Protein backbone atom coordinates (compact mmCIF):
# COMPACT_ATOMS: atom_id res chain seq x y z
CA MET A 1 -4.21 -13.12 25.53
CA LYS A 2 -2.39 -16.30 25.83
CA VAL A 3 -4.07 -19.78 25.88
CA LEU A 4 -3.24 -22.65 28.35
CA ILE A 5 -5.00 -25.73 27.25
CA PHE A 6 -8.60 -26.19 25.83
CA LEU A 7 -10.33 -27.71 22.80
CA LEU A 8 -12.68 -25.33 20.76
CA VAL A 9 -14.83 -22.63 19.65
CA ALA A 10 -15.31 -19.98 16.96
CA SER A 11 -15.42 -20.91 13.15
CA LEU A 12 -13.38 -20.21 10.08
CA ALA A 13 -12.71 -21.45 6.43
CA VAL A 14 -11.63 -20.75 3.12
CA GLY A 15 -13.50 -18.04 1.91
CA CYS A 16 -10.83 -17.31 -0.56
CA ALA A 17 -11.62 -16.74 -4.16
CA THR A 18 -8.95 -14.18 -4.43
CA ALA A 19 -5.37 -15.08 -5.39
CA PRO A 20 -2.78 -14.98 -2.66
CA ARG A 21 -0.16 -12.10 -2.53
CA GLU A 22 3.06 -12.43 -1.27
CA ILE A 23 4.09 -10.53 2.15
CA GLY A 24 7.78 -10.93 2.70
CA ARG A 25 8.47 -14.66 2.51
CA ARG A 26 4.78 -15.58 3.39
CA LEU A 27 1.61 -15.95 1.35
CA THR A 28 -1.34 -13.82 3.05
CA TYR A 29 -4.86 -14.30 1.74
CA GLU A 30 -7.54 -11.40 2.12
CA ASP A 31 -10.36 -13.13 3.81
CA ILE A 32 -11.43 -16.12 5.55
CA SER A 33 -15.11 -16.78 6.74
CA VAL A 34 -15.45 -17.15 10.41
CA SER A 35 -18.39 -19.50 9.92
CA GLU A 36 -17.40 -22.20 7.56
CA PRO A 37 -15.42 -25.36 8.04
CA ILE A 38 -11.88 -24.61 8.02
CA LEU A 39 -10.47 -28.24 7.13
CA PRO A 40 -10.14 -27.13 3.34
CA TRP A 41 -7.61 -24.25 4.31
CA VAL A 42 -5.78 -26.67 6.59
CA HIS A 43 -5.15 -28.92 3.89
CA ARG A 44 -3.73 -26.56 1.62
CA PHE A 45 -1.87 -24.93 4.42
CA GLU A 46 -0.30 -28.33 4.86
CA GLU A 47 0.52 -28.64 1.26
CA ARG A 48 2.14 -25.26 1.03
CA GLN A 49 4.16 -25.81 4.12
CA ARG A 50 5.73 -28.69 2.63
CA ASP A 51 6.97 -26.51 -0.22
CA ALA A 52 7.91 -23.87 1.93
CA ARG A 53 11.64 -23.92 1.12
CA LEU A 54 10.59 -22.87 -2.39
CA MET A 55 9.16 -19.74 -0.74
CA GLY A 56 12.20 -17.84 0.51
CA PRO A 57 15.70 -18.26 1.98
CA ASN A 58 14.65 -18.71 5.69
CA PRO A 59 12.25 -21.59 6.24
CA GLN A 60 13.64 -22.19 9.68
CA TYR A 61 11.94 -19.01 10.97
CA GLY A 62 8.73 -21.02 10.78
CA TYR A 63 6.27 -21.24 7.95
CA PHE A 64 2.97 -19.23 8.47
CA GLU A 65 0.23 -17.71 6.57
CA CYS A 66 -2.07 -14.90 7.64
CA ARG A 67 -5.68 -14.15 6.66
CA LYS A 68 -8.13 -11.40 7.43
CA THR A 69 -11.40 -12.41 8.92
CA ALA A 70 -14.57 -11.56 7.28
CA GLU A 71 -16.84 -11.44 10.33
CA ILE A 72 -14.66 -9.31 12.65
CA ARG A 73 -13.31 -6.10 11.18
CA GLU A 74 -9.57 -5.62 11.52
CA THR A 75 -8.70 -8.90 12.80
CA TYR A 76 -6.16 -11.03 11.21
CA PHE A 77 -5.48 -14.62 12.07
CA CYS A 78 -2.05 -16.25 11.52
CA LEU A 79 -1.53 -19.93 11.46
CA TYR A 80 2.12 -20.99 12.39
CA ALA A 81 3.39 -24.62 11.19
CA ASP A 82 5.39 -24.69 14.51
CA GLN A 83 4.56 -23.72 18.06
CA SER A 84 8.16 -22.62 18.91
CA ALA A 85 8.28 -20.20 15.82
CA MET A 86 5.00 -18.77 16.85
CA ASN A 87 6.25 -18.18 20.21
CA TYR A 88 9.30 -16.56 19.08
CA ALA A 89 7.33 -14.47 16.87
CA LEU A 90 4.81 -13.19 19.55
CA GLY A 91 5.73 -14.74 22.94
CA ARG A 92 7.65 -11.82 24.15
CA ALA A 93 4.97 -9.32 23.32
CA THR A 94 2.27 -11.32 25.21
CA CYS A 95 4.63 -11.45 28.35
CA TYR A 96 5.25 -7.62 28.00
CA ILE A 97 1.69 -6.57 27.28
CA GLU A 98 -0.02 -9.05 29.65
CA GLY A 99 2.64 -10.47 31.95
CA ALA A 100 0.70 -13.88 31.92
CA PHE A 101 2.46 -17.25 31.93
CA CYS A 102 6.02 -15.39 32.32
CA ASN A 103 6.07 -14.69 36.07
CA SER A 104 6.71 -10.80 35.05
CA SER A 105 4.89 -7.83 35.55
CA LYS A 106 3.31 -5.95 32.52
CA GLY A 107 5.69 -3.75 30.74
CA THR A 108 8.63 -5.93 31.56
CA LEU A 109 10.78 -6.73 28.37
CA LEU A 110 12.23 -10.15 28.88
CA SER A 111 15.34 -11.48 27.15
CA THR A 112 15.22 -14.45 24.97
CA LYS A 113 17.69 -15.93 27.22
CA ASP A 114 15.24 -15.77 30.07
CA MET A 115 14.28 -18.79 31.73
CA ASN A 116 10.47 -17.73 32.18
CA PHE A 117 10.26 -16.75 28.40
CA LEU A 118 11.73 -19.98 27.42
CA ALA A 119 9.20 -21.91 29.45
CA SER A 120 6.34 -19.94 27.73
CA VAL A 121 7.77 -20.75 24.28
CA ARG A 122 7.15 -24.43 25.12
CA GLN A 123 3.78 -23.82 26.95
CA THR A 124 1.88 -21.30 25.25
CA LEU A 125 -0.71 -22.36 22.48
CA GLY A 126 -1.84 -19.12 21.13
CA HIS A 127 -2.14 -15.36 21.22
CA ASP A 128 -4.44 -12.59 20.50
CA LEU A 129 -3.16 -9.02 20.70
CA ARG A 130 -4.06 -5.50 19.87
CA GLY A 131 -2.18 -3.29 17.46
CA PRO A 132 -1.25 -0.26 19.54
CA ALA A 133 -0.06 -2.50 22.36
CA LEU A 134 2.08 -4.44 19.91
CA LEU A 135 3.80 -1.24 18.46
CA SER A 136 4.60 -0.14 21.99
CA PHE A 137 6.09 -3.70 22.67
CA TYR A 138 8.10 -3.43 19.25
CA GLU A 139 9.31 0.09 19.78
CA THR A 140 10.68 -0.85 23.37
CA LEU A 141 12.26 -3.92 21.94
CA LYS A 142 14.24 -1.91 19.23
CA ARG A 143 14.87 0.76 21.70
CA ASN A 144 16.54 -1.62 24.23
CA CYS A 145 18.43 -3.57 21.24
CA ARG A 146 20.14 0.00 20.33
CA GLU A 147 21.00 0.71 23.81
CA ARG A 148 22.09 -2.67 25.30
CA SER A 149 25.18 -4.95 24.41
CA ASP A 150 23.02 -7.92 25.07
CA ASP A 151 21.56 -9.52 21.92
CA GLY A 152 18.94 -11.27 24.04
CA PHE A 153 17.15 -7.69 23.84
CA CYS A 154 16.87 -7.73 20.02
CA PRO A 155 14.25 -8.79 17.89
CA THR A 156 14.40 -12.36 16.89
CA PRO A 157 14.01 -13.19 13.15
CA GLN A 158 10.43 -14.46 13.74
CA GLU A 159 9.58 -11.13 15.50
CA SER A 160 11.17 -8.87 12.71
CA GLU A 161 9.23 -11.00 9.99
CA LEU A 162 5.99 -10.70 11.69
CA PHE A 163 5.93 -7.20 12.75
CA GLU A 164 7.62 -5.55 9.84
CA ASN A 165 5.58 -7.71 7.25
CA ILE A 166 2.12 -8.21 8.96
CA ILE A 167 1.56 -5.98 12.38
CA ILE A 168 3.27 -2.83 11.64
CA PRO A 169 1.31 -2.37 8.05
CA GLY A 170 -1.91 -3.51 9.78
CA VAL A 171 -1.66 -1.06 12.48
CA ASN A 172 -0.84 2.00 10.11
CA ARG A 173 -4.15 0.85 8.33
CA SER A 174 -6.27 0.73 11.51
CA LYS A 175 -5.45 1.34 15.26
CA ASP A 176 -8.31 -1.52 15.52
CA PHE A 177 -5.97 -3.87 14.09
CA ILE A 178 -5.80 -7.49 16.07
CA VAL A 179 -3.83 -10.43 15.44
CA VAL A 180 -4.88 -13.91 16.66
CA VAL A 181 -2.40 -16.74 16.45
CA ALA A 182 -2.17 -20.25 16.67
CA ALA A 183 0.32 -23.22 15.94
CA HIS A 184 -0.74 -26.25 13.60
CA LEU A 185 1.91 -28.25 15.33
CA GLY A 186 2.48 -28.19 18.96
CA ARG A 187 1.00 -29.26 22.31
CA GLY A 188 -2.42 -28.24 21.76
CA ASN A 189 -5.36 -28.58 19.32
CA PHE A 190 -4.95 -25.45 17.10
CA ILE A 191 -8.86 -25.49 16.46
CA GLY A 192 -9.36 -24.93 19.92
CA THR A 193 -6.70 -22.43 20.57
CA PHE A 194 -7.83 -20.52 17.61
CA SER A 195 -11.23 -20.60 18.51
CA HIS A 196 -10.66 -19.31 22.25
CA GLU A 197 -8.50 -16.60 20.76
CA ILE A 198 -11.08 -15.58 18.12
CA LEU A 199 -13.69 -15.08 20.90
CA HIS A 200 -11.22 -12.35 22.42
CA ALA A 201 -11.06 -10.67 19.12
CA GLN A 202 -14.82 -10.57 18.99
CA TYR A 203 -15.05 -9.02 22.26
CA PHE A 204 -12.60 -6.39 21.39
CA ASN A 205 -13.92 -5.49 17.89
CA ASP A 206 -17.55 -6.32 18.06
CA PRO A 207 -19.26 -3.62 20.27
CA THR A 208 -22.69 -5.50 20.32
CA TYR A 209 -20.85 -8.69 21.77
CA GLN A 210 -18.64 -6.59 24.02
CA LYS A 211 -21.75 -4.64 25.64
CA ALA A 212 -23.53 -7.72 25.97
CA ILE A 213 -20.50 -9.68 27.90
CA ASP A 214 -19.76 -6.36 29.86
CA MET A 215 -23.55 -6.16 31.07
CA PHE A 216 -23.60 -9.94 31.85
CA TRP A 217 -20.40 -9.53 34.28
CA THR A 218 -21.73 -6.46 35.69
CA LYS A 219 -25.33 -7.28 36.08
CA GLU A 220 -25.81 -10.98 36.09
CA LEU A 221 -22.83 -12.17 38.22
CA SER A 222 -22.85 -11.74 41.90
CA GLU A 223 -19.71 -10.62 43.69
CA LYS A 224 -19.41 -14.08 45.28
CA GLU A 225 -19.62 -15.66 41.66
CA LYS A 226 -16.90 -13.29 40.49
CA VAL A 227 -14.63 -14.33 43.31
CA ILE A 228 -14.93 -18.05 42.15
CA ILE A 229 -14.21 -17.02 38.71
CA ARG A 230 -11.13 -15.09 39.64
CA GLU A 231 -9.87 -17.67 41.87
CA ALA A 232 -10.08 -20.19 38.95
CA LEU A 233 -8.46 -17.96 36.51
CA ARG A 234 -5.59 -16.79 38.80
CA VAL A 235 -3.44 -19.71 38.11
CA ALA A 236 -2.77 -18.26 34.70
CA TYR A 237 -3.87 -14.62 34.65
CA ASP A 238 -3.72 -11.47 36.65
CA SER A 239 -6.79 -11.85 38.74
CA SER A 240 -6.58 -8.09 39.77
CA ASP A 241 -7.14 -7.18 36.00
CA GLU A 242 -11.03 -6.59 35.56
CA LEU A 243 -10.98 -6.53 31.68
CA LEU A 244 -8.69 -9.59 31.68
CA MET A 245 -10.93 -11.72 33.85
CA LYS A 246 -14.17 -10.91 32.03
CA ASN A 247 -12.72 -11.34 28.62
CA GLU A 248 -10.86 -14.73 29.67
CA PHE A 249 -14.31 -15.96 31.46
CA GLN A 250 -16.15 -15.55 28.41
CA ALA A 251 -13.92 -17.26 26.12
CA TYR A 252 -13.32 -20.06 28.52
CA ILE A 253 -16.97 -20.59 29.28
CA LEU A 254 -18.00 -20.22 25.60
CA GLU A 255 -15.24 -22.46 23.60
CA ALA A 256 -16.70 -25.59 22.04
CA GLY A 257 -14.46 -27.68 24.38
CA ALA A 258 -15.15 -25.59 27.45
CA ASP A 259 -15.94 -28.84 29.58
CA ARG A 260 -12.32 -29.84 29.17
CA ALA A 261 -10.90 -26.36 29.53
CA LEU A 262 -9.27 -24.19 32.39
CA LEU A 263 -13.04 -23.18 33.60
CA SER A 264 -14.62 -26.72 33.17
CA LYS A 265 -16.02 -27.07 36.54
CA LEU A 266 -17.78 -23.71 36.00
CA VAL A 267 -19.52 -24.33 32.56
CA PRO A 268 -22.49 -26.10 33.99
CA ARG A 269 -23.15 -22.83 36.10
CA PHE A 270 -22.62 -20.09 33.75
CA ARG A 271 -22.55 -21.34 30.01
CA SER A 272 -26.30 -21.50 29.48
CA ARG A 273 -26.62 -18.16 31.38
CA LEU A 274 -24.26 -16.31 29.37
CA ILE A 275 -25.54 -17.74 25.75
CA ALA A 276 -29.06 -16.62 26.86
CA ALA A 277 -27.71 -13.18 27.67
CA LEU A 278 -26.01 -12.85 24.23
CA ASN A 279 -29.06 -14.19 22.34
CA LYS A 280 -31.18 -11.55 24.08
CA ALA A 281 -28.77 -9.05 23.12
CA GLY A 282 -29.07 -10.04 19.46
CA THR A 283 -25.46 -11.62 19.17
CA GLN A 284 -23.75 -14.82 19.29
CA PRO A 285 -20.19 -16.27 19.74
CA LEU A 286 -18.68 -17.27 16.70
CA GLN A 287 -17.88 -20.96 16.44
CA VAL A 288 -14.69 -22.58 14.70
CA VAL A 289 -15.48 -26.12 13.21
CA LEU A 290 -13.06 -28.45 11.08
CA VAL A 291 -16.00 -29.90 9.09
CA LYS A 292 -19.83 -29.58 8.82
CA PRO A 293 -21.43 -31.36 11.36
């Protein structure tokens, strides 16, 4: 799911005693811990970004690194140096899969020349998408590229690099594959974006967490409260999509910058109730921090 504007939540850091291995033109490290400060990795990312021209012939595609998260199964976090490069890699996929922020319906493939897509490139701060849906998008994209004379319906270099080197191998390993993406440089705070997106991944790939969120949505919220939540989210999301509504609700309410995010006015009403329900179910939202408090 795409991110609008917020500030922080889940947790990550370098849990990386293993040596990096090269995938395509990018370094991929196997595991990071979503419970340790992330700043050490950020510093090393910045150093490697400065040396990116030494790593391959196409640094203009946007330097990025991907790591597997230790706490959430089959979930990979990719950090891009540049917001535009990130969105040329996954922006159309999100538009196709969710329809969010693109003024388009789900299942609609946008051209790279489409004004709605170009606007989303400037606005979108992060993505989280599941493997099977990503493959469906990429197959549709390649088919349109073959059948149309318009190169706007062909994969961008950024799409080709991410899909061929990270996403397709990941989905071939597991249908539960999820990719979470944020940009280091851009309009938003990437820690906040990452934290929001990792909560979506936790919902999809942590059955205990998902069940607790579902029970809260079904049993603890009144229909009137759900209407209030849908109205607040509809400025950026399809309010008729029940799964999307409860997933965005939990992510916006539980981020560590929730009082400055899209559902900020609803945080006092729902946050403590939701956390109590999660604690009762024996689970907690993952929290991203830069440094130890």
